[in-house]
C-alpha atoms as a PDB file:
ATOM      1  CA  MET A   1      15.869  -1.368 -20.318  1.00  0.00           C
ATOM      2  CA  ASN A   2      17.752  -4.644 -19.675  1.00  0.00           C
ATOM      3  CA  GLY A   3      20.979  -2.774 -18.862  1.00  0.00           C
ATOM      4  CA  MET A   4      19.213  -0.474 -16.452  1.00  0.00           C
ATOM      5  CA  LEU A   5      19.112  -1.145 -12.746  1.00  0.00           C
ATOM      6  CA  ARG A   6      15.468  -1.917 -11.993  1.00  0.00           C
ATOM      7  CA  ILE A   7      14.391  -0.483  -8.651  1.00  0.00           C
ATOM      8  CA  ALA A   8      11.078  -1.172  -6.911  1.00  0.00           C
ATOM      9  CA  MET A   9       9.897   1.812  -4.885  1.00  0.00           C
ATOM     10  CA  PRO A  10       6.891   1.900  -2.544  1.00  0.00           C
ATOM     11  CA  LYS A  11       4.152   4.396  -3.245  1.00  0.00           C
ATOM     12  CA  GLY A  12       3.244   6.619  -0.317  1.00  0.00           C
ATOM     13  CA  ARG A  13       5.204   7.978   2.617  1.00  0.00           C
ATOM     14  CA  ILE A  14       8.540   6.305   1.843  1.00  0.00           C
ATOM     15  CA  LEU A  15       8.778   7.330  -1.824  1.00  0.00           C
ATOM     16  CA  GLU A  16       9.462  11.039  -1.330  1.00  0.00           C
ATOM     17  CA  GLU A  17      12.244  10.454   1.199  1.00  0.00           C
ATOM     18  CA  ALA A  18      13.796   7.659  -0.872  1.00  0.00           C
ATOM     19  CA  VAL A  19      13.844   9.758  -4.044  1.00  0.00           C
ATOM     20  CA  GLU A  20      15.507  12.629  -2.171  1.00  0.00           C
ATOM     21  CA  LEU A  21      18.110  10.217  -0.784  1.00  0.00           C
ATOM     22  CA  PHE A  22      18.942   8.963  -4.284  1.00  0.00           C
ATOM     23  CA  ARG A  23      19.277  12.546  -5.524  1.00  0.00           C
ATOM     24  CA  GLN A  24      21.609  13.406  -2.661  1.00  0.00           C
ATOM     25  CA  ALA A  25      23.633  10.355  -3.666  1.00  0.00           C
ATOM     26  CA  GLY A  26      24.200  11.961  -7.064  1.00  0.00           C
ATOM     27  CA  TYR A  27      21.611  10.188  -9.196  1.00  0.00           C
ATOM     28  CA  PRO A  28      19.791  12.527 -11.631  1.00  0.00           C
ATOM     29  CA  LEU A  29      16.202  11.372 -11.212  1.00  0.00           C
ATOM     30  CA  PRO A  30      13.159  12.850 -13.009  1.00  0.00           C
ATOM     31  CA  ARG A  31      11.721  15.823 -11.146  1.00  0.00           C
ATOM     32  CA  ASP A  32       8.227  14.330 -11.066  1.00  0.00           C
ATOM     33  CA  LEU A  33       9.231  10.816  -9.958  1.00  0.00           C
ATOM     34  CA  ASP A  34       7.919  11.219  -6.420  1.00  0.00           C
ATOM     35  CA  ASP A  35       4.490  12.412  -7.584  1.00  0.00           C
ATOM     36  CA  SER A  36       4.171  10.558 -10.873  1.00  0.00           C
ATOM     37  CA  ARG A  37       1.002   8.649 -11.754  1.00  0.00           C
ATOM     38  CA  LYS A  38       3.033   6.289 -13.907  1.00  0.00           C
ATOM     39  CA  LEU A  39       3.802   2.813 -12.614  1.00  0.00           C
ATOM     40  CA  ILE A  40       7.167   2.558 -14.392  1.00  0.00           C
ATOM     41  CA  VAL A  41       9.445   5.586 -14.666  1.00  0.00           C
ATOM     42  CA  GLU A  42      12.775   5.523 -16.487  1.00  0.00           C
ATOM     43  CA  ALA A  43      15.688   7.672 -15.353  1.00  0.00           C
ATOM     44  CA  LYS A  44      17.944   7.242 -18.376  1.00  0.00           C
ATOM     45  CA  GLU A  45      20.683   9.578 -17.153  1.00  0.00           C
ATOM     46  CA  ALA A  46      20.991   7.486 -13.997  1.00  0.00           C
ATOM     47  CA  ASN A  47      20.656   4.209 -15.955  1.00  0.00           C
ATOM     48  CA  MET A  48      17.744   3.258 -13.708  1.00  0.00           C
ATOM     49  CA  SER A  49      14.148   2.181 -14.142  1.00  0.00           C
ATOM     50  CA  PHE A  50      11.731   2.603 -11.235  1.00  0.00           C
ATOM     51  CA  ILE A  51       8.761   0.341 -10.554  1.00  0.00           C
ATOM     52  CA  LEU A  52       6.268   2.159  -8.320  1.00  0.00           C
ATOM     53  CA  ALA A  53       4.416  -0.486  -6.340  1.00  0.00           C
ATOM     54  CA  LYS A  54       2.268  -1.044  -3.289  1.00  0.00           C
ATOM     55  CA  PRO A  55       4.658  -1.168  -0.287  1.00  0.00           C
ATOM     56  CA  SER A  56       3.807  -4.758   0.643  1.00  0.00           C
ATOM     57  CA  ASP A  57       4.500  -5.877  -2.944  1.00  0.00           C
ATOM     58  CA  VAL A  58       8.038  -4.469  -3.190  1.00  0.00           C
ATOM     59  CA  PRO A  59       9.765  -7.554  -1.677  1.00  0.00           C
ATOM     60  CA  THR A  60       7.801  -9.793  -4.066  1.00  0.00           C
ATOM     61  CA  TYR A  61       8.966  -7.861  -7.135  1.00  0.00           C
ATOM     62  CA  VAL A  62      12.535  -8.109  -5.865  1.00  0.00           C
ATOM     63  CA  GLU A  63      12.406 -11.796  -4.904  1.00  0.00           C
ATOM     64  CA  TYR A  64      11.112 -12.818  -8.336  1.00  0.00           C
ATOM     65  CA  GLY A  65      13.620 -10.642 -10.198  1.00  0.00           C
ATOM     66  CA  THR A  66      11.177  -8.196 -11.736  1.00  0.00           C
ATOM     67  CA  ALA A  67      13.211  -5.610  -9.842  1.00  0.00           C
ATOM     68  CA  ASP A  68      16.925  -5.908  -9.111  1.00  0.00           C
ATOM     69  CA  VAL A  69      16.746  -3.900  -5.903  1.00  0.00           C
ATOM     70  CA  GLY A  70      14.041  -2.246  -3.847  1.00  0.00           C
ATOM     71  CA  VAL A  71      13.338   0.131  -0.992  1.00  0.00           C
ATOM     72  CA  VAL A  72      11.037  -1.230   1.696  1.00  0.00           C
ATOM     73  CA  GLY A  73      10.145  -0.674   5.335  1.00  0.00           C
ATOM     74  CA  LYS A  74      11.589  -3.137   7.830  1.00  0.00           C
ATOM     75  CA  ASP A  75       8.016  -3.902   8.929  1.00  0.00           C
ATOM     76  CA  VAL A  76       7.072  -5.154   5.464  1.00  0.00           C
ATOM     77  CA  LEU A  77      10.358  -7.022   5.113  1.00  0.00           C
ATOM     78  CA  LEU A  78       9.743  -8.944   8.341  1.00  0.00           C
ATOM     79  CA  GLU A  79       6.062  -9.566   7.633  1.00  0.00           C
ATOM     80  CA  GLU A  80       6.544 -10.814   4.073  1.00  0.00           C
ATOM     81  CA  GLU A  81       9.636 -12.982   4.774  1.00  0.00           C
ATOM     82  CA  ARG A  82      10.780 -12.900   1.155  1.00  0.00           C
ATOM     83  CA  ASP A  83      14.031 -14.502  -0.012  1.00  0.00           C
ATOM     84  CA  VAL A  84      16.039 -11.336  -0.672  1.00  0.00           C
ATOM     85  CA  TYR A  85      19.278  -9.741   0.486  1.00  0.00           C
ATOM     86  CA  GLU A  86      18.963  -6.886   2.977  1.00  0.00           C
ATOM     87  CA  LEU A  87      21.809  -4.564   1.994  1.00  0.00           C
ATOM     88  CA  LEU A  88      21.534  -1.277   3.850  1.00  0.00           C
ATOM     89  CA  ASP A  89      19.546   0.577   6.494  1.00  0.00           C
ATOM     90  CA  LEU A  90      18.648   3.809   4.683  1.00  0.00           C
ATOM     91  CA  ASN A  91      17.745   5.565   7.943  1.00  0.00           C
ATOM     92  CA  ILE A  92      14.623   7.173   6.446  1.00  0.00           C
ATOM     93  CA  SER A  93      10.878   6.985   7.154  1.00  0.00           C
ATOM     94  CA  HIS A  94      11.340   6.531  10.886  1.00  0.00           C
ATOM     95  CA  CYS A  95       8.343   5.111  12.723  1.00  0.00           C
ATOM     96  CA  HIS A  96       7.566   2.226  15.036  1.00  0.00           C
ATOM     97  CA  LEU A  97       5.217  -0.712  15.322  1.00  0.00           C
ATOM     98  CA  ALA A  98       2.960  -0.432  18.346  1.00  0.00           C
ATOM     99  CA  ILE A  99      -0.010  -1.890  20.174  1.00  0.00           C
ATOM    100  CA  ALA A 100      -2.866   0.575  20.691  1.00  0.00           C
ATOM    101  CA  ALA A 101      -6.420   0.599  22.026  1.00  0.00           C
ATOM    102  CA  LEU A 102      -9.246   2.973  22.874  1.00  0.00           C
ATOM    103  CA  SER A 103      -8.397   5.346  25.712  1.00  0.00           C
ATOM    104  CA  ASP A 104     -10.980   3.640  27.959  1.00  0.00           C
ATOM    105  CA  TRP A 105      -9.839   0.110  27.106  1.00  0.00           C
ATOM    106  CA  GLN A 106     -10.257  -2.705  29.601  1.00  0.00           C
ATOM    107  CA  PRO A 107      -8.109  -5.856  29.825  1.00  0.00           C
ATOM    108  CA  VAL A 108      -9.741  -9.017  28.462  1.00  0.00           C
ATOM    109  CA  MET A 109      -8.533 -12.601  28.722  1.00  0.00           C
ATOM    110  CA  TYR A 110      -8.366 -13.372  24.985  1.00  0.00           C
ATOM    111  CA  PRO A 111      -8.242 -10.031  23.156  1.00  0.00           C
ATOM    112  CA  LYS A 112      -8.953  -9.620  19.471  1.00  0.00           C
ATOM    113  CA  VAL A 113      -6.142  -7.766  17.703  1.00  0.00           C
ATOM    114  CA  ALA A 114      -6.646  -6.118  14.307  1.00  0.00           C
ATOM    115  CA  THR A 115      -3.593  -5.493  12.136  1.00  0.00           C
ATOM    116  CA  LYS A 116      -2.022  -5.411   8.689  1.00  0.00           C
ATOM    117  CA  TYR A 117       0.807  -7.464  10.191  1.00  0.00           C
ATOM    118  CA  PRO A 118      -0.701 -10.811  11.268  1.00  0.00           C
ATOM    119  CA  ARG A 119       2.611 -12.687  11.280  1.00  0.00           C
ATOM    120  CA  LEU A 120       4.463 -10.086  13.350  1.00  0.00           C
ATOM    121  CA  ALA A 121       1.543  -9.639  15.745  1.00  0.00           C
ATOM    122  CA  SER A 122       1.064 -13.383  16.252  1.00  0.00           C
ATOM    123  CA  GLN A 123       4.772 -13.897  16.860  1.00  0.00           C
ATOM    124  CA  TYR A 124       4.972 -10.998  19.316  1.00  0.00           C
ATOM    125  CA  PHE A 125       2.067 -12.129  21.483  1.00  0.00           C
ATOM    126  CA  ARG A 126       3.152 -15.768  21.284  1.00  0.00           C
ATOM    127  CA  GLU A 127       6.608 -14.862  22.588  1.00  0.00           C
ATOM    128  CA  LYS A 128       4.933 -13.007  25.461  1.00  0.00           C
ATOM    129  CA  GLY A 129       2.837 -16.062  26.238  1.00  0.00           C
ATOM    130  CA  GLN A 130      -0.432 -14.226  25.599  1.00  0.00           C
ATOM    131  CA  GLN A 131      -3.288 -15.806  23.662  1.00  0.00           C
ATOM    132  CA  VAL A 132      -4.954 -13.463  21.183  1.00  0.00           C
ATOM    133  CA  GLU A 133      -7.122 -13.708  18.095  1.00  0.00           C
ATOM    134  CA  VAL A 134      -5.446 -11.842  15.237  1.00  0.00           C
ATOM    135  CA  ILE A 135      -7.750 -10.272  12.646  1.00  0.00           C
ATOM    136  CA  LYS A 136      -6.113  -9.206   9.377  1.00  0.00           C
ATOM    137  CA  LEU A 137      -7.218  -5.904   7.871  1.00  0.00           C
ATOM    138  CA  ASN A 138      -5.775  -4.032   4.905  1.00  0.00           C
ATOM    139  CA  GLY A 139      -6.497  -0.450   5.902  1.00  0.00           C
ATOM    140  CA  SER A 140      -8.029   1.940   8.455  1.00  0.00           C
ATOM    141  CA  ILE A 141      -6.853  -0.259  11.311  1.00  0.00           C
ATOM    142  CA  GLU A 142      -7.889   2.410  13.850  1.00  0.00           C
ATOM    143  CA  LEU A 143     -11.523   1.776  12.937  1.00  0.00           C
ATOM    144  CA  ALA A 144     -11.518  -1.774  14.352  1.00  0.00           C
ATOM    145  CA  PRO A 145     -11.752  -0.951  18.092  1.00  0.00           C
ATOM    146  CA  ILE A 146     -14.116   1.962  17.450  1.00  0.00           C
ATOM    147  CA  VAL A 147     -16.744  -0.298  15.860  1.00  0.00           C
ATOM    148  CA  GLY A 148     -16.094  -3.207  18.224  1.00  0.00           C
ATOM    149  CA  LEU A 149     -14.308  -5.509  15.783  1.00  0.00           C
ATOM    150  CA  ALA A 150     -11.178  -5.704  17.935  1.00  0.00           C
ATOM    151  CA  ASP A 151      -9.967  -4.888  21.436  1.00  0.00           C
ATOM    152  CA  ARG A 152      -6.541  -3.708  20.319  1.00  0.00           C
ATOM    153  CA  ILE A 153      -4.644  -2.946  17.150  1.00  0.00           C
ATOM    154  CA  VAL A 154      -1.066  -3.432  15.998  1.00  0.00           C
ATOM    155  CA  ASP A 155      -0.049  -0.744  13.534  1.00  0.00           C
ATOM    156  CA  ILE A 156       2.651   1.655  12.411  1.00  0.00           C
ATOM    157  CA  VAL A 157       2.889   4.847  14.459  1.00  0.00           C
ATOM    158  CA  SER A 158       4.766   7.896  13.241  1.00  0.00           C
ATOM    159  CA  THR A 159       3.572  11.022  15.048  1.00  0.00           C
ATOM    160  CA  GLY A 160       0.659   9.423  16.898  1.00  0.00           C
ATOM    161  CA  ARG A 161      -1.747  11.984  15.477  1.00  0.00           C
ATOM    162  CA  THR A 162      -4.038   9.431  13.825  1.00  0.00           C
ATOM    163  CA  LEU A 163      -4.355   7.526  17.091  1.00  0.00           C
ATOM    164  CA  ARG A 164      -5.211  10.662  19.060  1.00  0.00           C
ATOM    165  CA  GLU A 165      -7.746  11.887  16.509  1.00  0.00           C
ATOM    166  CA  ASN A 166      -9.583   8.570  16.783  1.00  0.00           C
ATOM    167  CA  GLY A 167      -9.525   8.333  20.572  1.00  0.00           C
ATOM    168  CA  LEU A 168      -6.820   5.665  20.751  1.00  0.00           C
ATOM    169  CA  VAL A 169      -3.734   5.484  22.949  1.00  0.00           C
ATOM    170  CA  GLU A 170      -0.470   3.663  22.445  1.00  0.00           C
ATOM    171  CA  LEU A 171      -0.070   0.830  24.946  1.00  0.00           C
ATOM    172  CA  GLU A 172       3.246  -0.673  23.968  1.00  0.00           C
ATOM    173  CA  LYS A 173       6.048  -0.093  21.484  1.00  0.00           C
ATOM    174  CA  MET A 174       6.997  -3.276  19.644  1.00  0.00           C
ATOM    175  CA  MET A 175       9.904  -2.243  17.403  1.00  0.00           C
ATOM    176  CA  ASP A 176      11.505   0.698  15.615  1.00  0.00           C
ATOM    177  CA  ILE A 177      11.134   0.792  11.843  1.00  0.00           C
ATOM    178  CA  THR A 178      13.245   2.347   9.082  1.00  0.00           C
ATOM    179  CA  SER A 179      13.445   1.707   5.339  1.00  0.00           C
ATOM    180  CA  ARG A 180      15.954  -0.745   3.904  1.00  0.00           C
ATOM    181  CA  LEU A 181      17.635  -1.364   0.559  1.00  0.00           C
ATOM    182  CA  ILE A 182      17.095  -4.955  -0.580  1.00  0.00           C
ATOM    183  CA  ALA A 183      18.288  -6.929  -3.608  1.00  0.00           C
ATOM    184  CA  ASN A 184      17.375  -9.956  -5.666  1.00  0.00           C
ATOM    185  CA  ARG A 185      19.934 -12.707  -5.070  1.00  0.00           C
ATOM    186  CA  VAL A 186      20.659 -13.340  -8.758  1.00  0.00           C
ATOM    187  CA  SER A 187      20.738  -9.640  -9.636  1.00  0.00           C
ATOM    188  CA  TYR A 188      23.227  -9.034  -6.843  1.00  0.00           C
ATOM    189  CA  ARG A 189      25.648 -11.358  -8.631  1.00  0.00           C
ATOM    190  CA  MET A 190      24.852 -10.355 -12.214  1.00  0.00           C
ATOM    191  CA  LYS A 191      24.744  -6.591 -11.574  1.00  0.00           C
ATOM    192  CA  ASN A 192      27.149  -6.518  -8.667  1.00  0.00           C
ATOM    193  CA  ALA A 193      29.124  -3.470  -9.821  1.00  0.00           C
ATOM    194  CA  GLN A 194      25.984  -1.339 -10.252  1.00  0.00           C
ATOM    195  CA  ILE A 195      24.472  -2.451  -6.968  1.00  0.00           C
ATOM    196  CA  GLU A 196      27.685  -2.019  -4.985  1.00  0.00           C
ATOM    197  CA  GLU A 197      28.082   1.477  -6.413  1.00  0.00           C
ATOM    198  CA  LEU A 198      24.513   2.254  -5.345  1.00  0.00           C
ATOM    199  CA  ILE A 199      25.229   0.961  -1.842  1.00  0.00           C
ATOM    200  CA  ARG A 200      28.451   2.982  -1.630  1.00  0.00           C
ATOM    201  CA  ARG A 201      26.765   6.224  -2.670  1.00  0.00           C
ATOM    202  CA  LEU A 202      23.715   5.795  -0.473  1.00  0.00           C
ATOM    203  CA  GLU A 203      25.798   4.759   2.518  1.00  0.00           C
ATOM    204  CA  ARG A 204      27.875   7.938   2.289  1.00  0.00           C
ATOM    205  CA  VAL A 205      24.724  10.053   2.331  1.00  0.00           C
ATOM    206  CA  VAL A 206      23.247   8.059   5.214  1.00  0.00           C
ATOM    207  CA  LYS A 207      26.464   8.570   7.191  1.00  0.00           C
ATOM    208  CA  GLY A 208      26.504  12.271   6.309  1.00  0.00           C
ATOM    209  CA  GLU A 209      29.726  12.020   4.308  1.00  0.00           C
ATOM    210  CA  GLY A 210      28.302  13.240   1.002  1.00  0.00           C
ATOM    211  CA  VAL A 211      29.131  11.771  -2.410  1.00  0.00           C
ATOM    212  CA  ARG A 212      32.705  11.292  -3.632  1.00  0.00           C
END
């Protein structure tokens, strides 16, 4: 396993698109990788080992060298601020970070904002000169304004369906998000040939050039 390229992949919405991207880049990955219940999956033909982790943990695995490279959303990368190399915009899992509230929301002087992204939210409102109280939640962010915990939320929006189904409206778009390829700093030097080959192949697919 030491000679294999160790890749941290996020469970959930990004995994399926990332696996398909790797396959298009010519890597023979196991057919059940994107729906496996295993936490570590080896792809011996591709000389790769995949660590399937919680999205917010991917940069941590990469920073500490448990994984050589990883695939992670730009939102997580900015929120976690880990010491890793950002190598390539994979142009998958498009979404955006947004501020939302109940459809009948009313402006308040010091709003409470619920989010999984306390650092990004605090920085955004601070740069706008607006005082807010940021409340960190780990899931079901849309619930916060419904039960009166918060006045607004900051969360990832893809289609907007979840907001609509819960009576929320998007107030402001904060930033566009795509998934990125990141690398451990030491691994990038020690396994440079493998990682550069991975970048080259993925970049050709991202640019629509195919694999050569």
